[in-house]
Amino acid sequence: QYIGMLMEPVAECNLGRFLDRIRKLDQDNENKIAGFFGCLATAIAVLHAQFNIRHKDIKPENILIKGDNILLTDFGMALDWSGTGHTTTSQELLKTPKYAAPETSEGLERNSKADIWSLGCVFLEMVAVLKGSSRDHVNNILKKNGTGSENYRQNSEGIA
């Protein structure tokens, strides 16, 4: 049984849209993005360590921005494993291929480390913008190098 809530919009935009809108990085946006790294890492650490919850679909579109605050959303695939004593699963679940960890497509057991992989992919895009580049540029690099796939897990050579 599932419970849903309808609420007014809680944010101005998601992280992907925010990063895509930045044409010239100003000090305010630079500080905002820099602060997001710690907030996101802490949020994931708390979910894993204190609640035994894995998000399973971390991507810029599931991270909302309201002012200087960042909100991790869309826990539709997250499961609470606190009663099972472990946080590894081998069942095939939905995922966003671009940000999904390698083990999610190889049929291997996955655990909270898959969230860390996905967060690292998001961090890569954030760093690109901080360095004056864009998410589109990162995608173009992936398309032109390695395997040519835009999925990070399928193209580690393209991002190396």
N, C-alpha and C. Protein backbone atom coordinates (compact mmCIF):
# COMPACT_ATOMS: atom_id res chain seq x y z
N GLN A 1 0.84 -1.16 0.00
CA GLN A 1 0.00 0.00 0.00
C GLN A 1 0.89 1.24 0.00
N TYR A 2 0.52 2.21 -0.81
CA TYR A 2 1.30 3.42 -0.96
C TYR A 2 0.50 4.63 -0.54
N ILE A 3 1.20 5.61 -0.02
CA ILE A 3 0.57 6.87 0.37
C ILE A 3 1.21 7.96 -0.47
N GLY A 4 0.40 8.84 -1.03
CA GLY A 4 0.90 9.96 -1.81
C GLY A 4 0.41 11.26 -1.24
N MET A 5 1.17 12.31 -1.44
CA MET A 5 0.78 13.63 -0.97
C MET A 5 0.90 14.62 -2.12
N LEU A 6 -0.10 15.45 -2.27
CA LEU A 6 -0.05 16.52 -3.25
C LEU A 6 0.17 17.82 -2.50
N MET A 7 1.18 18.57 -2.91
CA MET A 7 1.49 19.82 -2.23
C MET A 7 1.82 20.88 -3.26
N GLU A 8 1.87 22.11 -2.80
CA GLU A 8 2.28 23.18 -3.70
C GLU A 8 3.75 22.96 -4.06
N PRO A 9 4.22 23.54 -5.14
CA PRO A 9 5.63 23.34 -5.50
C PRO A 9 6.56 23.73 -4.35
N VAL A 10 7.50 22.86 -4.06
CA VAL A 10 8.39 23.09 -2.93
C VAL A 10 9.70 23.75 -3.35
N ALA A 11 9.91 23.93 -4.64
CA ALA A 11 11.19 24.48 -5.09
C ALA A 11 11.02 25.27 -6.38
N GLU A 12 12.04 26.06 -6.69
CA GLU A 12 12.03 26.82 -7.93
C GLU A 12 12.39 25.96 -9.13
N CYS A 13 13.32 25.01 -8.92
CA CYS A 13 13.75 24.16 -10.03
C CYS A 13 14.52 22.97 -9.48
N ASN A 14 14.87 22.05 -10.36
CA ASN A 14 15.72 20.94 -9.94
C ASN A 14 17.18 21.29 -10.25
N LEU A 15 18.09 20.49 -9.72
CA LEU A 15 19.51 20.76 -9.88
C LEU A 15 19.93 20.74 -11.34
N GLY A 16 19.39 19.83 -12.13
CA GLY A 16 19.73 19.77 -13.54
C GLY A 16 19.40 21.06 -14.26
N ARG A 17 18.20 21.54 -14.06
CA ARG A 17 17.77 22.79 -14.70
C ARG A 17 18.61 23.96 -14.18
N PHE A 18 18.87 23.98 -12.88
CA PHE A 18 19.69 25.05 -12.29
C PHE A 18 21.07 25.09 -12.95
N LEU A 19 21.72 23.92 -13.06
CA LEU A 19 23.05 23.86 -13.67
C LEU A 19 23.01 24.25 -15.14
N ASP A 20 21.95 23.82 -15.83
CA ASP A 20 21.83 24.12 -17.27
C ASP A 20 21.60 25.60 -17.54
N ARG A 21 20.99 26.30 -16.60
CA ARG A 21 20.69 27.73 -16.79
C ARG A 21 21.90 28.63 -16.58
N ILE A 22 22.91 28.11 -15.93
CA ILE A 22 24.09 28.94 -15.63
C ILE A 22 24.92 29.09 -16.90
N ARG A 23 24.99 30.31 -17.41
CA ARG A 23 25.79 30.60 -18.59
C ARG A 23 27.14 31.19 -18.18
N LYS A 24 27.10 32.05 -17.18
CA LYS A 24 28.32 32.62 -16.62
C LYS A 24 28.20 32.50 -15.11
N LEU A 25 29.16 31.82 -14.52
CA LEU A 25 29.11 31.53 -13.09
C LEU A 25 29.45 32.78 -12.29
N ASP A 26 28.50 33.23 -11.47
CA ASP A 26 28.78 34.35 -10.57
C ASP A 26 29.08 33.81 -9.17
N GLN A 27 29.53 34.69 -8.30
CA GLN A 27 29.95 34.27 -6.96
C GLN A 27 28.81 33.63 -6.17
N ASP A 28 27.60 34.16 -6.31
CA ASP A 28 26.45 33.63 -5.59
C ASP A 28 26.17 32.18 -5.99
N ASN A 29 26.13 31.92 -7.30
CA ASN A 29 25.87 30.55 -7.77
C ASN A 29 27.04 29.62 -7.45
N GLU A 30 28.26 30.15 -7.53
CA GLU A 30 29.43 29.33 -7.18
C GLU A 30 29.35 28.89 -5.72
N ASN A 31 29.04 29.82 -4.84
CA ASN A 31 28.90 29.48 -3.42
C ASN A 31 27.77 28.51 -3.18
N LYS A 32 26.68 28.71 -3.90
CA LYS A 32 25.51 27.84 -3.75
C LYS A 32 25.87 26.40 -4.15
N ILE A 33 26.48 26.25 -5.33
CA ILE A 33 26.85 24.91 -5.81
C ILE A 33 27.86 24.27 -4.86
N ALA A 34 28.86 25.04 -4.43
CA ALA A 34 29.87 24.51 -3.52
C ALA A 34 29.24 23.99 -2.23
N GLY A 35 28.25 24.69 -1.73
CA GLY A 35 27.56 24.25 -0.51
C GLY A 35 26.73 23.00 -0.71
N PHE A 36 26.27 22.78 -1.93
CA PHE A 36 25.43 21.62 -2.21
C PHE A 36 26.19 20.30 -2.04
N PHE A 37 27.50 20.30 -2.30
CA PHE A 37 28.28 19.07 -2.18
C PHE A 37 28.13 18.47 -0.78
N GLY A 38 28.40 19.29 0.23
CA GLY A 38 28.32 18.81 1.61
C GLY A 38 26.92 18.43 2.02
N CYS A 39 25.94 19.22 1.59
CA CYS A 39 24.54 18.92 1.93
C CYS A 39 24.11 17.57 1.37
N LEU A 40 24.44 17.33 0.11
CA LEU A 40 24.04 16.07 -0.53
C LEU A 40 24.78 14.88 0.08
N ALA A 41 26.08 15.03 0.29
CA ALA A 41 26.85 13.93 0.89
C ALA A 41 26.33 13.61 2.29
N THR A 42 26.03 14.63 3.06
CA THR A 42 25.50 14.42 4.41
C THR A 42 24.13 13.76 4.37
N ALA A 43 23.27 14.21 3.47
CA ALA A 43 21.93 13.62 3.36
C ALA A 43 22.01 12.13 3.06
N ILE A 44 22.86 11.76 2.12
CA ILE A 44 23.01 10.34 1.76
C ILE A 44 23.62 9.56 2.93
N ALA A 45 24.61 10.14 3.59
CA ALA A 45 25.23 9.46 4.74
C ALA A 45 24.20 9.20 5.84
N VAL A 46 23.35 10.17 6.11
CA VAL A 46 22.32 10.01 7.14
C VAL A 46 21.31 8.95 6.72
N LEU A 47 20.86 9.00 5.47
CA LEU A 47 19.91 7.98 4.99
C LEU A 47 20.48 6.58 5.16
N HIS A 48 21.74 6.40 4.79
CA HIS A 48 22.36 5.08 4.85
C HIS A 48 22.64 4.65 6.29
N ALA A 49 23.29 5.51 7.07
CA ALA A 49 23.76 5.12 8.40
C ALA A 49 22.67 5.10 9.46
N GLN A 50 21.80 6.08 9.44
CA GLN A 50 20.82 6.19 10.51
C GLN A 50 19.49 5.51 10.20
N PHE A 51 19.14 5.43 8.92
CA PHE A 51 17.83 4.91 8.57
C PHE A 51 17.87 3.65 7.70
N ASN A 52 19.05 3.22 7.27
CA ASN A 52 19.17 2.06 6.39
C ASN A 52 18.32 2.19 5.13
N ILE A 53 18.26 3.39 4.59
CA ILE A 53 17.48 3.65 3.38
C ILE A 53 18.43 3.97 2.24
N ARG A 54 18.21 3.31 1.12
CA ARG A 54 18.93 3.62 -0.12
C ARG A 54 17.97 4.36 -1.03
N HIS A 55 18.43 5.39 -1.69
CA HIS A 55 17.56 6.19 -2.56
C HIS A 55 17.29 5.45 -3.86
N LYS A 56 18.32 4.95 -4.52
CA LYS A 56 18.27 4.15 -5.74
C LYS A 56 18.00 4.90 -7.03
N ASP A 57 17.83 6.21 -6.98
CA ASP A 57 17.64 6.96 -8.23
C ASP A 57 18.15 8.40 -8.07
N ILE A 58 19.37 8.53 -7.59
CA ILE A 58 19.95 9.86 -7.42
C ILE A 58 20.34 10.40 -8.79
N LYS A 59 19.81 11.55 -9.11
CA LYS A 59 20.11 12.25 -10.36
C LYS A 59 19.75 13.71 -10.17
N PRO A 60 20.26 14.60 -11.00
CA PRO A 60 19.99 16.03 -10.82
C PRO A 60 18.50 16.37 -10.81
N GLU A 61 17.71 15.64 -11.55
CA GLU A 61 16.28 15.93 -11.62
C GLU A 61 15.54 15.54 -10.34
N ASN A 62 16.15 14.75 -9.48
CA ASN A 62 15.55 14.38 -8.20
C ASN A 62 16.12 15.18 -7.03
N ILE A 63 16.82 16.25 -7.37
CA ILE A 63 17.38 17.14 -6.36
C ILE A 63 16.79 18.52 -6.63
N LEU A 64 16.00 19.02 -5.69
CA LEU A 64 15.31 20.29 -5.88
C LEU A 64 16.03 21.42 -5.16
N ILE A 65 15.89 22.63 -5.72
CA ILE A 65 16.51 23.81 -5.14
C ILE A 65 15.45 24.83 -4.81
N LYS A 66 15.50 25.30 -3.57
CA LYS A 66 14.62 26.38 -3.13
C LYS A 66 15.50 27.37 -2.38
N GLY A 67 15.74 28.50 -3.00
CA GLY A 67 16.65 29.47 -2.41
C GLY A 67 18.04 28.88 -2.31
N ASP A 68 18.59 28.89 -1.11
CA ASP A 68 19.92 28.30 -0.88
C ASP A 68 19.83 26.86 -0.38
N ASN A 69 18.62 26.33 -0.31
CA ASN A 69 18.41 24.98 0.20
C ASN A 69 18.30 23.98 -0.94
N ILE A 70 18.76 22.78 -0.65
CA ILE A 70 18.69 21.69 -1.62
C ILE A 70 17.90 20.55 -0.98
N LEU A 71 17.02 19.93 -1.76
CA LEU A 71 16.13 18.90 -1.25
C LEU A 71 16.26 17.64 -2.09
N LEU A 72 16.55 16.53 -1.46
CA LEU A 72 16.61 15.25 -2.15
C LEU A 72 15.19 14.68 -2.21
N THR A 73 14.70 14.40 -3.40
CA THR A 73 13.30 13.99 -3.56
C THR A 73 13.19 12.68 -4.33
N ASP A 74 11.96 12.28 -4.54
CA ASP A 74 11.59 11.09 -5.31
C ASP A 74 12.18 9.82 -4.71
N PHE A 75 11.64 9.46 -3.58
CA PHE A 75 12.05 8.23 -2.92
C PHE A 75 11.17 7.06 -3.35
N GLY A 76 10.59 7.15 -4.53
CA GLY A 76 9.68 6.12 -5.02
C GLY A 76 10.31 4.75 -5.11
N MET A 77 11.62 4.68 -5.32
CA MET A 77 12.29 3.39 -5.42
C MET A 77 13.03 3.02 -4.14
N ALA A 78 13.07 3.93 -3.18
CA ALA A 78 13.79 3.67 -1.94
C ALA A 78 13.01 2.69 -1.08
N LEU A 79 13.72 1.81 -0.44
CA LEU A 79 13.10 0.83 0.45
C LEU A 79 13.76 0.92 1.81
N ASP A 80 12.99 0.73 2.84
CA ASP A 80 13.52 0.71 4.19
C ASP A 80 13.86 -0.73 4.53
N TRP A 81 15.14 -1.03 4.67
CA TRP A 81 15.59 -2.39 4.95
C TRP A 81 15.96 -2.56 6.42
N SER A 82 15.50 -1.67 7.28
CA SER A 82 15.94 -1.71 8.67
C SER A 82 15.55 -3.00 9.38
N GLY A 83 14.49 -3.64 8.96
CA GLY A 83 14.07 -4.87 9.61
C GLY A 83 14.76 -6.11 9.10
N THR A 84 15.57 -5.99 8.04
CA THR A 84 16.16 -7.17 7.45
C THR A 84 17.59 -7.43 7.90
N GLY A 85 18.23 -6.42 8.49
CA GLY A 85 19.60 -6.62 8.95
C GLY A 85 20.65 -6.46 7.88
N HIS A 86 20.27 -6.16 6.66
CA HIS A 86 21.26 -5.92 5.60
C HIS A 86 20.70 -4.91 4.61
N THR A 87 21.58 -4.40 3.78
CA THR A 87 21.14 -3.39 2.81
C THR A 87 21.59 -3.75 1.41
N THR A 88 21.55 -5.01 1.08
CA THR A 88 21.92 -5.46 -0.26
C THR A 88 20.73 -6.14 -0.88
N THR A 89 20.52 -5.89 -2.16
CA THR A 89 19.43 -6.55 -2.87
C THR A 89 19.91 -6.94 -4.25
N SER A 90 19.34 -7.99 -4.78
CA SER A 90 19.69 -8.41 -6.12
C SER A 90 18.51 -8.29 -7.07
N GLN A 91 17.37 -7.84 -6.58
CA GLN A 91 16.21 -7.73 -7.45
C GLN A 91 16.39 -6.60 -8.44
N GLU A 92 15.85 -6.77 -9.64
CA GLU A 92 15.93 -5.75 -10.68
C GLU A 92 14.90 -4.67 -10.39
N LEU A 93 15.36 -3.46 -10.23
CA LEU A 93 14.49 -2.33 -9.97
C LEU A 93 14.67 -1.29 -11.05
N LEU A 94 13.71 -0.41 -11.16
CA LEU A 94 13.83 0.69 -12.10
C LEU A 94 14.99 1.58 -11.70
N LYS A 95 15.54 2.25 -12.69
CA LYS A 95 16.66 3.14 -12.44
C LYS A 95 16.77 4.11 -13.60
N THR A 96 17.52 5.18 -13.41
CA THR A 96 17.85 6.08 -14.49
C THR A 96 19.20 5.63 -15.02
N PRO A 97 19.24 5.05 -16.22
CA PRO A 97 20.47 4.43 -16.72
C PRO A 97 21.72 5.32 -16.67
N LYS A 98 21.58 6.59 -16.98
CA LYS A 98 22.76 7.46 -17.04
C LYS A 98 23.51 7.50 -15.72
N TYR A 99 22.79 7.51 -14.61
CA TYR A 99 23.40 7.69 -13.29
C TYR A 99 23.50 6.38 -12.50
N ALA A 100 23.02 5.29 -13.05
CA ALA A 100 22.99 4.02 -12.33
C ALA A 100 24.38 3.40 -12.23
N ALA A 101 24.68 2.81 -11.09
CA ALA A 101 25.97 2.17 -10.86
C ALA A 101 26.13 0.94 -11.75
N PRO A 102 27.37 0.55 -12.06
CA PRO A 102 27.59 -0.60 -12.95
C PRO A 102 26.88 -1.88 -12.51
N GLU A 103 26.86 -2.15 -11.21
CA GLU A 103 26.25 -3.41 -10.76
C GLU A 103 24.75 -3.47 -11.02
N THR A 104 24.09 -2.32 -11.22
CA THR A 104 22.65 -2.33 -11.46
C THR A 104 22.31 -2.91 -12.82
N SER A 105 23.21 -2.81 -13.77
CA SER A 105 22.92 -3.35 -15.10
C SER A 105 23.54 -4.71 -15.32
N GLU A 106 24.44 -5.10 -14.45
CA GLU A 106 25.12 -6.38 -14.60
C GLU A 106 24.45 -7.50 -13.81
N GLY A 107 23.33 -7.19 -13.17
CA GLY A 107 22.59 -8.19 -12.42
C GLY A 107 23.27 -8.59 -11.12
N LEU A 108 24.24 -7.83 -10.67
CA LEU A 108 24.93 -8.13 -9.42
C LEU A 108 24.17 -7.56 -8.24
N GLU A 109 24.45 -8.08 -7.06
CA GLU A 109 23.83 -7.51 -5.86
C GLU A 109 24.30 -6.08 -5.72
N ARG A 110 23.40 -5.25 -5.26
CA ARG A 110 23.78 -3.85 -5.05
C ARG A 110 23.41 -3.43 -3.65
N ASN A 111 24.13 -2.43 -3.17
CA ASN A 111 23.88 -1.93 -1.83
C ASN A 111 23.99 -0.41 -1.84
N SER A 112 24.25 0.17 -0.70
CA SER A 112 24.28 1.63 -0.60
C SER A 112 25.40 2.25 -1.44
N LYS A 113 26.38 1.46 -1.83
CA LYS A 113 27.46 1.99 -2.67
C LYS A 113 26.94 2.46 -4.02
N ALA A 114 25.84 1.88 -4.48
CA ALA A 114 25.26 2.31 -5.76
C ALA A 114 24.78 3.76 -5.67
N ASP A 115 24.26 4.16 -4.51
CA ASP A 115 23.88 5.57 -4.31
C ASP A 115 25.11 6.47 -4.39
N ILE A 116 26.23 6.01 -3.85
CA ILE A 116 27.45 6.81 -3.86
C ILE A 116 27.94 7.00 -5.30
N TRP A 117 27.86 5.95 -6.11
CA TRP A 117 28.22 6.06 -7.53
C TRP A 117 27.36 7.14 -8.20
N SER A 118 26.05 7.03 -8.01
CA SER A 118 25.13 8.00 -8.63
C SER A 118 25.42 9.41 -8.16
N LEU A 119 25.68 9.57 -6.87
CA LEU A 119 26.01 10.89 -6.34
C LEU A 119 27.31 11.40 -6.96
N GLY A 120 28.27 10.52 -7.16
CA GLY A 120 29.52 10.91 -7.82
C GLY A 120 29.29 11.42 -9.23
N CYS A 121 28.37 10.80 -9.95
CA CYS A 121 28.03 11.26 -11.30
C CYS A 121 27.42 12.66 -11.26
N VAL A 122 26.55 12.89 -10.29
CA VAL A 122 25.96 14.23 -10.11
C VAL A 122 27.06 15.23 -9.75
N PHE A 123 27.96 14.83 -8.86
CA PHE A 123 29.06 15.71 -8.47
C PHE A 123 29.93 16.07 -9.67
N LEU A 124 30.17 15.12 -10.57
CA LEU A 124 30.95 15.39 -11.78
C LEU A 124 30.32 16.52 -12.58
N GLU A 125 29.01 16.48 -12.74
CA GLU A 125 28.32 17.53 -13.49
C GLU A 125 28.37 18.86 -12.75
N MET A 126 28.30 18.83 -11.43
CA MET A 126 28.40 20.06 -10.65
C MET A 126 29.79 20.67 -10.78
N VAL A 127 30.83 19.83 -10.73
CA VAL A 127 32.20 20.32 -10.89
C VAL A 127 32.40 20.91 -12.27
N ALA A 128 31.83 20.28 -13.29
CA ALA A 128 31.96 20.81 -14.65
C ALA A 128 31.45 22.24 -14.72
N VAL A 129 30.30 22.49 -14.11
CA VAL A 129 29.73 23.85 -14.12
C VAL A 129 30.60 24.79 -13.29
N LEU A 130 31.10 24.32 -12.15
CA LEU A 130 31.98 25.16 -11.34
C LEU A 130 33.26 25.54 -12.08
N LYS A 131 33.70 24.69 -12.98
CA LYS A 131 34.92 24.94 -13.75
C LYS A 131 34.64 25.69 -15.06
N GLY A 132 33.40 26.19 -15.22
CA GLY A 132 33.08 27.00 -16.39
C GLY A 132 32.59 26.21 -17.58
N SER A 133 32.32 24.94 -17.40
CA SER A 133 31.82 24.10 -18.48
C SER A 133 30.31 23.93 -18.31
N SER A 134 29.76 22.85 -18.86
CA SER A 134 28.32 22.61 -18.75
C SER A 134 28.04 21.11 -18.75
N ARG A 135 26.83 20.77 -18.38
CA ARG A 135 26.41 19.36 -18.45
C ARG A 135 26.38 18.89 -19.89
N ASP A 136 25.98 19.77 -20.81
CA ASP A 136 26.00 19.41 -22.24
C ASP A 136 27.41 19.07 -22.70
N HIS A 137 28.38 19.83 -22.23
CA HIS A 137 29.77 19.56 -22.61
C HIS A 137 30.21 18.19 -22.10
N VAL A 138 29.82 17.86 -20.87
CA VAL A 138 30.14 16.53 -20.32
C VAL A 138 29.51 15.45 -21.20
N ASN A 139 28.26 15.63 -21.59
CA ASN A 139 27.60 14.66 -22.48
C ASN A 139 28.32 14.53 -23.80
N ASN A 140 28.76 15.66 -24.37
CA ASN A 140 29.49 15.62 -25.64
C ASN A 140 30.81 14.88 -25.50
N ILE A 141 31.50 15.07 -24.39
CA ILE A 141 32.74 14.33 -24.14
C ILE A 141 32.46 12.84 -24.09
N LEU A 142 31.39 12.45 -23.40
CA LEU A 142 31.03 11.03 -23.31
C LEU A 142 30.72 10.46 -24.69
N LYS A 143 29.98 11.23 -25.50
CA LYS A 143 29.59 10.75 -26.84
C LYS A 143 30.80 10.57 -27.76
N LYS A 144 31.81 11.41 -27.58
CA LYS A 144 32.96 11.40 -28.50
C LYS A 144 34.11 10.53 -28.02
N ASN A 145 34.05 10.01 -26.82
CA ASN A 145 35.16 9.25 -26.26
C ASN A 145 34.70 7.91 -25.71
N GLY A 146 35.66 7.04 -25.50
CA GLY A 146 35.36 5.74 -24.92
C GLY A 146 34.37 4.96 -25.76
N THR A 147 33.31 4.48 -25.13
CA THR A 147 32.31 3.68 -25.83
C THR A 147 31.30 4.53 -26.58
N GLY A 148 31.28 5.84 -26.31
CA GLY A 148 30.31 6.73 -26.94
C GLY A 148 28.98 6.78 -26.23
N SER A 149 28.85 6.05 -25.14
CA SER A 149 27.60 6.04 -24.38
C SER A 149 27.54 7.24 -23.45
N GLU A 150 26.34 7.80 -23.28
CA GLU A 150 26.14 8.89 -22.32
C GLU A 150 25.96 8.36 -20.90
N ASN A 151 25.82 7.06 -20.74
CA ASN A 151 25.68 6.45 -19.42
C ASN A 151 27.06 6.33 -18.79
N TYR A 152 27.24 6.94 -17.63
CA TYR A 152 28.54 6.92 -16.99
C TYR A 152 29.05 5.51 -16.77
N ARG A 153 28.19 4.61 -16.35
CA ARG A 153 28.62 3.24 -16.03
C ARG A 153 29.10 2.48 -17.25
N GLN A 154 28.63 2.88 -18.43
CA GLN A 154 29.01 2.19 -19.66
C GLN A 154 30.17 2.87 -20.37
N ASN A 155 30.68 3.96 -19.79
CA ASN A 155 31.71 4.72 -20.49
C ASN A 155 32.73 5.32 -19.54
N SER A 156 33.31 4.49 -18.70
CA SER A 156 34.32 5.01 -17.78
C SER A 156 35.53 5.56 -18.54
N GLU A 157 35.81 5.00 -19.72
CA GLU A 157 36.92 5.51 -20.53
C GLU A 157 36.63 6.93 -21.02
N GLY A 158 35.37 7.22 -21.27
CA GLY A 158 34.99 8.54 -21.78
C GLY A 158 35.11 9.65 -20.76
N ILE A 159 35.11 9.29 -19.48
CA ILE A 159 35.21 10.33 -18.44
C ILE A 159 36.56 10.33 -17.76
N ALA A 160 37.42 9.41 -18.14
CA ALA A 160 38.74 9.31 -17.49
C ALA A 160 39.66 10.43 -17.95
